[in-house]
Amino acid sequence: MKFGPFNWYQICSSIKKVSETELKMAHMLINHLSKTFDPTMYKDDHREQLASLIQKKIMGEEINVPQIVNKSSVLDLMSALQASLNSYKKIEETKKIKTKRKSSAKQIFTGAEDTA
């Protein structure tokens, strides 16, 4: 099954004015990437697993269903933000300490006093 043919100019011009070259390029790209749908290229894993389970049930085998653990992946945004800010403060403090060390080392070598 292939979708088409569309009046590309009518569709694109109703959305936004496009140049003729842009329209031709879009049309060529869509035609180049379009192909017929082949359902044999796809495999329905869910259907196969379900059929297997049904067959096992018919044969009288016991079916073990794994327990679903309800994990909450919701983050506490306030604590994440606070942790981020704390790490930023630590970086800033480290920069200040390094700057103080550099200025004190400069004073030692040049003999200048820090007026700050």
N, C-alpha and C. Protein backbone atom coordinates (compact mmCIF):
# COMPACT_ATOMS: atom_id res chain seq x y z
N MET A 1 0.85 -1.16 0.00
CA MET A 1 0.00 0.00 0.00
C MET A 1 0.90 1.23 0.00
N LYS A 2 0.61 2.17 -0.84
CA LYS A 2 1.40 3.39 -0.94
C LYS A 2 0.45 4.58 -0.89
N PHE A 3 0.81 5.55 -0.06
CA PHE A 3 -0.01 6.73 0.05
C PHE A 3 0.35 7.69 -1.07
N GLY A 4 -0.63 8.34 -1.57
CA GLY A 4 -0.33 9.32 -2.61
C GLY A 4 -1.50 9.41 -3.53
N PRO A 5 -1.47 9.98 -4.61
CA PRO A 5 -0.68 11.18 -4.89
C PRO A 5 -1.31 12.39 -4.21
N PHE A 6 -0.49 13.27 -3.72
CA PHE A 6 -0.96 14.48 -3.06
C PHE A 6 -0.62 15.68 -3.93
N ASN A 7 -1.38 16.70 -3.77
CA ASN A 7 -1.05 17.96 -4.41
C ASN A 7 -0.16 18.71 -3.42
N TRP A 8 1.15 18.48 -3.50
CA TRP A 8 2.10 19.02 -2.54
C TRP A 8 2.08 20.54 -2.50
N TYR A 9 1.90 21.15 -3.65
CA TYR A 9 1.90 22.61 -3.68
C TYR A 9 0.73 23.15 -2.88
N GLN A 10 -0.42 22.54 -3.01
CA GLN A 10 -1.60 23.02 -2.29
C GLN A 10 -1.44 22.82 -0.79
N ILE A 11 -0.88 21.70 -0.36
CA ILE A 11 -0.69 21.43 1.07
C ILE A 11 0.33 22.39 1.66
N CYS A 12 1.48 22.54 1.03
CA CYS A 12 2.54 23.38 1.56
C CYS A 12 2.17 24.86 1.51
N SER A 13 1.51 25.29 0.47
CA SER A 13 1.19 26.71 0.36
C SER A 13 0.15 27.13 1.38
N SER A 14 -0.69 26.21 1.82
CA SER A 14 -1.67 26.57 2.84
C SER A 14 -1.02 26.72 4.20
N ILE A 15 0.10 26.06 4.43
CA ILE A 15 0.81 26.15 5.71
C ILE A 15 1.72 27.36 5.72
N LYS A 16 2.57 27.48 4.74
CA LYS A 16 3.55 28.56 4.68
C LYS A 16 3.97 28.71 3.22
N LYS A 17 4.25 29.90 2.86
CA LYS A 17 4.71 30.12 1.48
C LYS A 17 6.12 29.57 1.35
N VAL A 18 6.29 28.67 0.40
CA VAL A 18 7.60 28.08 0.14
C VAL A 18 7.96 28.33 -1.31
N SER A 19 9.25 28.32 -1.56
CA SER A 19 9.69 28.53 -2.94
C SER A 19 9.47 27.25 -3.74
N GLU A 20 9.44 27.40 -5.03
CA GLU A 20 9.21 26.26 -5.93
C GLU A 20 10.33 25.24 -5.80
N THR A 21 11.58 25.70 -5.62
CA THR A 21 12.70 24.76 -5.48
C THR A 21 12.61 23.97 -4.18
N GLU A 22 12.18 24.63 -3.09
CA GLU A 22 12.01 23.92 -1.82
C GLU A 22 10.92 22.87 -1.95
N LEU A 23 9.87 23.22 -2.63
CA LEU A 23 8.76 22.29 -2.83
C LEU A 23 9.18 21.09 -3.67
N LYS A 24 9.94 21.34 -4.73
CA LYS A 24 10.42 20.24 -5.57
C LYS A 24 11.36 19.33 -4.78
N MET A 25 12.23 19.94 -3.96
CA MET A 25 13.17 19.15 -3.18
C MET A 25 12.42 18.29 -2.16
N ALA A 26 11.41 18.85 -1.51
CA ALA A 26 10.61 18.09 -0.54
C ALA A 26 9.89 16.94 -1.24
N HIS A 27 9.34 17.21 -2.40
CA HIS A 27 8.63 16.18 -3.15
C HIS A 27 9.57 15.05 -3.55
N MET A 28 10.77 15.40 -4.01
CA MET A 28 11.75 14.38 -4.40
C MET A 28 12.17 13.55 -3.18
N LEU A 29 12.38 14.21 -2.04
CA LEU A 29 12.79 13.50 -0.83
C LEU A 29 11.72 12.51 -0.38
N ILE A 30 10.48 12.96 -0.38
CA ILE A 30 9.38 12.08 0.04
C ILE A 30 9.23 10.90 -0.90
N ASN A 31 9.30 11.15 -2.19
CA ASN A 31 9.20 10.06 -3.16
C ASN A 31 10.37 9.09 -3.05
N HIS A 32 11.56 9.63 -2.75
CA HIS A 32 12.74 8.79 -2.62
C HIS A 32 12.64 7.87 -1.39
N LEU A 33 12.09 8.40 -0.30
CA LEU A 33 12.02 7.63 0.93
C LEU A 33 10.76 6.78 1.04
N SER A 34 9.79 7.01 0.19
CA SER A 34 8.55 6.25 0.25
C SER A 34 8.74 4.86 -0.35
N LYS A 35 8.09 3.91 0.28
CA LYS A 35 8.10 2.55 -0.27
C LYS A 35 6.80 1.88 0.12
N THR A 36 6.52 0.80 -0.53
CA THR A 36 5.27 0.09 -0.24
C THR A 36 5.38 -0.61 1.10
N PHE A 37 4.27 -0.72 1.78
CA PHE A 37 4.23 -1.37 3.08
C PHE A 37 4.23 -2.88 2.90
N ASP A 38 5.19 -3.53 3.56
CA ASP A 38 5.30 -4.98 3.50
C ASP A 38 5.16 -5.52 4.92
N PRO A 39 3.98 -6.06 5.26
CA PRO A 39 3.78 -6.53 6.64
C PRO A 39 4.67 -7.71 7.02
N THR A 40 5.24 -8.40 6.05
CA THR A 40 6.12 -9.52 6.38
C THR A 40 7.45 -9.04 6.96
N MET A 41 7.74 -7.77 6.82
CA MET A 41 8.98 -7.23 7.38
C MET A 41 8.89 -7.06 8.89
N TYR A 42 7.70 -7.15 9.44
CA TYR A 42 7.49 -6.90 10.86
C TYR A 42 7.04 -8.16 11.57
N LYS A 43 7.44 -8.30 12.81
CA LYS A 43 7.14 -9.48 13.59
C LYS A 43 6.38 -9.04 14.84
N ASP A 44 5.29 -9.71 15.15
CA ASP A 44 4.48 -9.37 16.31
C ASP A 44 4.91 -10.24 17.48
N ASP A 45 5.87 -9.74 18.25
CA ASP A 45 6.40 -10.50 19.39
C ASP A 45 5.34 -10.71 20.46
N HIS A 46 4.54 -9.71 20.68
CA HIS A 46 3.52 -9.81 21.73
C HIS A 46 2.53 -10.94 21.41
N ARG A 47 2.10 -10.99 20.17
CA ARG A 47 1.15 -12.04 19.76
C ARG A 47 1.77 -13.42 19.93
N GLU A 48 3.05 -13.57 19.58
CA GLU A 48 3.72 -14.86 19.71
C GLU A 48 3.85 -15.28 21.17
N GLN A 49 4.20 -14.33 22.05
CA GLN A 49 4.33 -14.64 23.47
C GLN A 49 2.97 -15.00 24.07
N LEU A 50 1.94 -14.26 23.67
CA LEU A 50 0.60 -14.54 24.17
C LEU A 50 0.13 -15.92 23.70
N ALA A 51 0.37 -16.25 22.45
CA ALA A 51 -0.02 -17.56 21.92
C ALA A 51 0.72 -18.67 22.66
N SER A 52 1.99 -18.44 22.97
CA SER A 52 2.77 -19.42 23.71
C SER A 52 2.20 -19.63 25.11
N LEU A 53 1.83 -18.54 25.78
CA LEU A 53 1.24 -18.65 27.11
C LEU A 53 -0.10 -19.39 27.07
N ILE A 54 -0.91 -19.09 26.07
CA ILE A 54 -2.20 -19.77 25.93
C ILE A 54 -2.00 -21.26 25.69
N GLN A 55 -1.02 -21.59 24.86
CA GLN A 55 -0.73 -23.00 24.57
C GLN A 55 -0.27 -23.73 25.83
N LYS A 56 0.57 -23.07 26.64
CA LYS A 56 1.03 -23.67 27.89
C LYS A 56 -0.13 -23.90 28.85
N LYS A 57 -1.04 -22.94 28.89
CA LYS A 57 -2.21 -23.05 29.76
C LYS A 57 -3.11 -24.20 29.31
N ILE A 58 -3.27 -24.36 27.99
CA ILE A 58 -4.07 -25.47 27.45
C ILE A 58 -3.44 -26.80 27.81
N MET A 59 -2.12 -26.88 27.79
CA MET A 59 -1.40 -28.12 28.08
C MET A 59 -1.36 -28.39 29.58
N GLY A 60 -1.83 -27.45 30.39
CA GLY A 60 -1.88 -27.66 31.84
C GLY A 60 -0.62 -27.23 32.57
N GLU A 61 0.27 -26.60 31.91
CA GLU A 61 1.50 -26.13 32.56
C GLU A 61 1.19 -24.91 33.44
N GLU A 62 1.98 -24.78 34.48
CA GLU A 62 1.81 -23.63 35.37
C GLU A 62 2.53 -22.42 34.76
N ILE A 63 1.84 -21.32 34.80
CA ILE A 63 2.40 -20.10 34.23
C ILE A 63 2.83 -19.19 35.37
N ASN A 64 4.10 -18.84 35.37
CA ASN A 64 4.63 -17.94 36.40
C ASN A 64 4.68 -16.53 35.83
N VAL A 65 3.88 -15.67 36.41
CA VAL A 65 3.85 -14.28 35.99
C VAL A 65 4.74 -13.49 36.94
N PRO A 66 5.74 -12.81 36.41
CA PRO A 66 6.61 -12.04 37.30
C PRO A 66 5.83 -10.89 37.95
N GLN A 67 6.16 -10.65 39.21
CA GLN A 67 5.50 -9.58 39.95
C GLN A 67 5.99 -8.24 39.42
N ILE A 68 5.07 -7.37 39.15
CA ILE A 68 5.43 -6.05 38.64
C ILE A 68 5.69 -5.13 39.83
N VAL A 69 6.88 -4.58 39.85
CA VAL A 69 7.25 -3.66 40.91
C VAL A 69 6.93 -2.26 40.41
N ASN A 70 6.13 -1.57 41.16
CA ASN A 70 5.73 -0.23 40.76
C ASN A 70 6.81 0.74 41.23
N LYS A 71 7.70 1.08 40.33
CA LYS A 71 8.78 2.01 40.65
C LYS A 71 8.32 3.42 40.31
N SER A 72 8.59 4.30 41.20
CA SER A 72 8.26 5.70 40.96
C SER A 72 9.51 6.39 40.44
N SER A 73 9.43 6.86 39.22
CA SER A 73 10.59 7.54 38.64
C SER A 73 10.45 9.05 38.73
N VAL A 74 9.57 9.49 39.63
CA VAL A 74 9.37 10.92 39.81
C VAL A 74 10.49 11.46 40.67
N LEU A 75 11.13 12.49 40.19
CA LEU A 75 12.22 13.11 40.91
C LEU A 75 11.69 14.19 41.84
N ASP A 76 12.34 14.34 42.97
CA ASP A 76 12.05 15.47 43.83
C ASP A 76 12.83 16.64 43.27
N LEU A 77 12.16 17.48 42.53
CA LEU A 77 12.83 18.55 41.82
C LEU A 77 13.49 19.55 42.76
N MET A 78 12.86 19.80 43.88
CA MET A 78 13.44 20.78 44.82
C MET A 78 14.76 20.26 45.39
N SER A 79 14.82 18.98 45.74
CA SER A 79 16.08 18.46 46.28
C SER A 79 17.15 18.38 45.19
N ALA A 80 16.74 18.07 43.97
CA ALA A 80 17.69 18.04 42.86
C ALA A 80 18.24 19.45 42.59
N LEU A 81 17.37 20.44 42.64
CA LEU A 81 17.80 21.82 42.44
C LEU A 81 18.73 22.26 43.56
N GLN A 82 18.38 21.90 44.80
CA GLN A 82 19.23 22.27 45.94
C GLN A 82 20.60 21.62 45.82
N ALA A 83 20.65 20.36 45.42
CA ALA A 83 21.93 19.67 45.25
C ALA A 83 22.76 20.34 44.16
N SER A 84 22.09 20.74 43.09
CA SER A 84 22.79 21.42 42.00
C SER A 84 23.36 22.75 42.47
N LEU A 85 22.57 23.50 43.22
CA LEU A 85 23.04 24.79 43.73
C LEU A 85 24.18 24.61 44.73
N ASN A 86 24.09 23.59 45.57
CA ASN A 86 25.17 23.33 46.52
C ASN A 86 26.47 22.99 45.81
N SER A 87 26.39 22.20 44.75
CA SER A 87 27.61 21.86 44.02
C SER A 87 28.18 23.10 43.34
N TYR A 88 27.32 23.98 42.87
CA TYR A 88 27.78 25.23 42.25
C TYR A 88 28.47 26.11 43.29
N LYS A 89 27.91 26.16 44.52
CA LYS A 89 28.52 26.96 45.59
C LYS A 89 29.89 26.42 45.93
N LYS A 90 30.03 25.09 45.95
CA LYS A 90 31.33 24.49 46.25
C LYS A 90 32.36 24.86 45.20
N ILE A 91 31.94 24.87 43.95
CA ILE A 91 32.85 25.24 42.85
C ILE A 91 33.28 26.69 43.01
N GLU A 92 32.33 27.56 43.32
CA GLU A 92 32.64 28.98 43.51
C GLU A 92 33.59 29.18 44.69
N GLU A 93 33.36 28.45 45.79
CA GLU A 93 34.25 28.56 46.95
C GLU A 93 35.66 28.11 46.60
N THR A 94 35.77 27.04 45.83
CA THR A 94 37.08 26.54 45.40
C THR A 94 37.79 27.58 44.55
N LYS A 95 37.06 28.24 43.66
CA LYS A 95 37.65 29.28 42.82
C LYS A 95 38.16 30.44 43.68
N LYS A 96 37.39 30.82 44.70
CA LYS A 96 37.79 31.92 45.58
C LYS A 96 39.05 31.57 46.35
N ILE A 97 39.13 30.33 46.84
CA ILE A 97 40.32 29.89 47.59
C ILE A 97 41.54 29.92 46.68
N LYS A 98 41.39 29.44 45.44
CA LYS A 98 42.51 29.45 44.50
C LYS A 98 42.95 30.87 44.20
N THR A 99 41.99 31.78 44.06
CA THR A 99 42.31 33.17 43.77
C THR A 99 43.06 33.79 44.95
N LYS A 100 42.62 33.49 46.19
CA LYS A 100 43.30 34.01 47.37
C LYS A 100 44.72 33.48 47.44
N ARG A 101 44.89 32.18 47.12
CA ARG A 101 46.24 31.58 47.15
C ARG A 101 47.14 32.26 46.14
N LYS A 102 46.59 32.53 44.94
CA LYS A 102 47.40 33.17 43.91
C LYS A 102 47.81 34.58 44.33
N SER A 103 46.87 35.31 44.93
CA SER A 103 47.18 36.68 45.32
C SER A 103 48.18 36.70 46.48
N SER A 104 48.06 35.75 47.41
CA SER A 104 49.02 35.72 48.52
C SER A 104 50.39 35.29 48.03
N ALA A 105 50.44 34.39 47.07
CA ALA A 105 51.72 33.98 46.49
C ALA A 105 52.34 35.14 45.73
N LYS A 106 51.52 35.93 45.09
CA LYS A 106 52.00 37.10 44.35
C LYS A 106 52.58 38.12 45.32
N GLN A 107 51.95 38.26 46.48
CA GLN A 107 52.44 39.20 47.49
C GLN A 107 53.80 38.77 48.01
N ILE A 108 53.97 37.47 48.20
CA ILE A 108 55.21 36.96 48.73
C ILE A 108 56.36 37.26 47.76
N PHE A 109 56.10 37.03 46.45
CA PHE A 109 57.15 37.23 45.47
C PHE A 109 57.38 38.70 45.13
N THR A 110 56.34 39.50 45.14
CA THR A 110 56.51 40.91 44.77
C THR A 110 56.66 41.82 45.97
N GLY A 111 56.26 41.33 47.14
CA GLY A 111 56.34 42.13 48.35
C GLY A 111 55.24 43.17 48.43
N ALA A 112 54.21 43.05 47.59
CA ALA A 112 53.10 44.02 47.59
C ALA A 112 52.10 43.64 48.65
N GLU A 113 51.41 44.62 49.22
CA GLU A 113 50.35 44.42 50.19
C GLU A 113 49.03 44.33 49.49
N ASP A 114 48.13 43.48 49.98
CA ASP A 114 46.78 43.37 49.43
C ASP A 114 45.91 44.43 50.07
N THR A 115 45.36 45.34 49.26
CA THR A 115 44.56 46.43 49.80
C THR A 115 43.11 46.06 49.93
N ALA A 116 42.70 44.90 49.46
CA ALA A 116 41.29 44.49 49.48
C ALA A 116 40.86 43.95 50.79
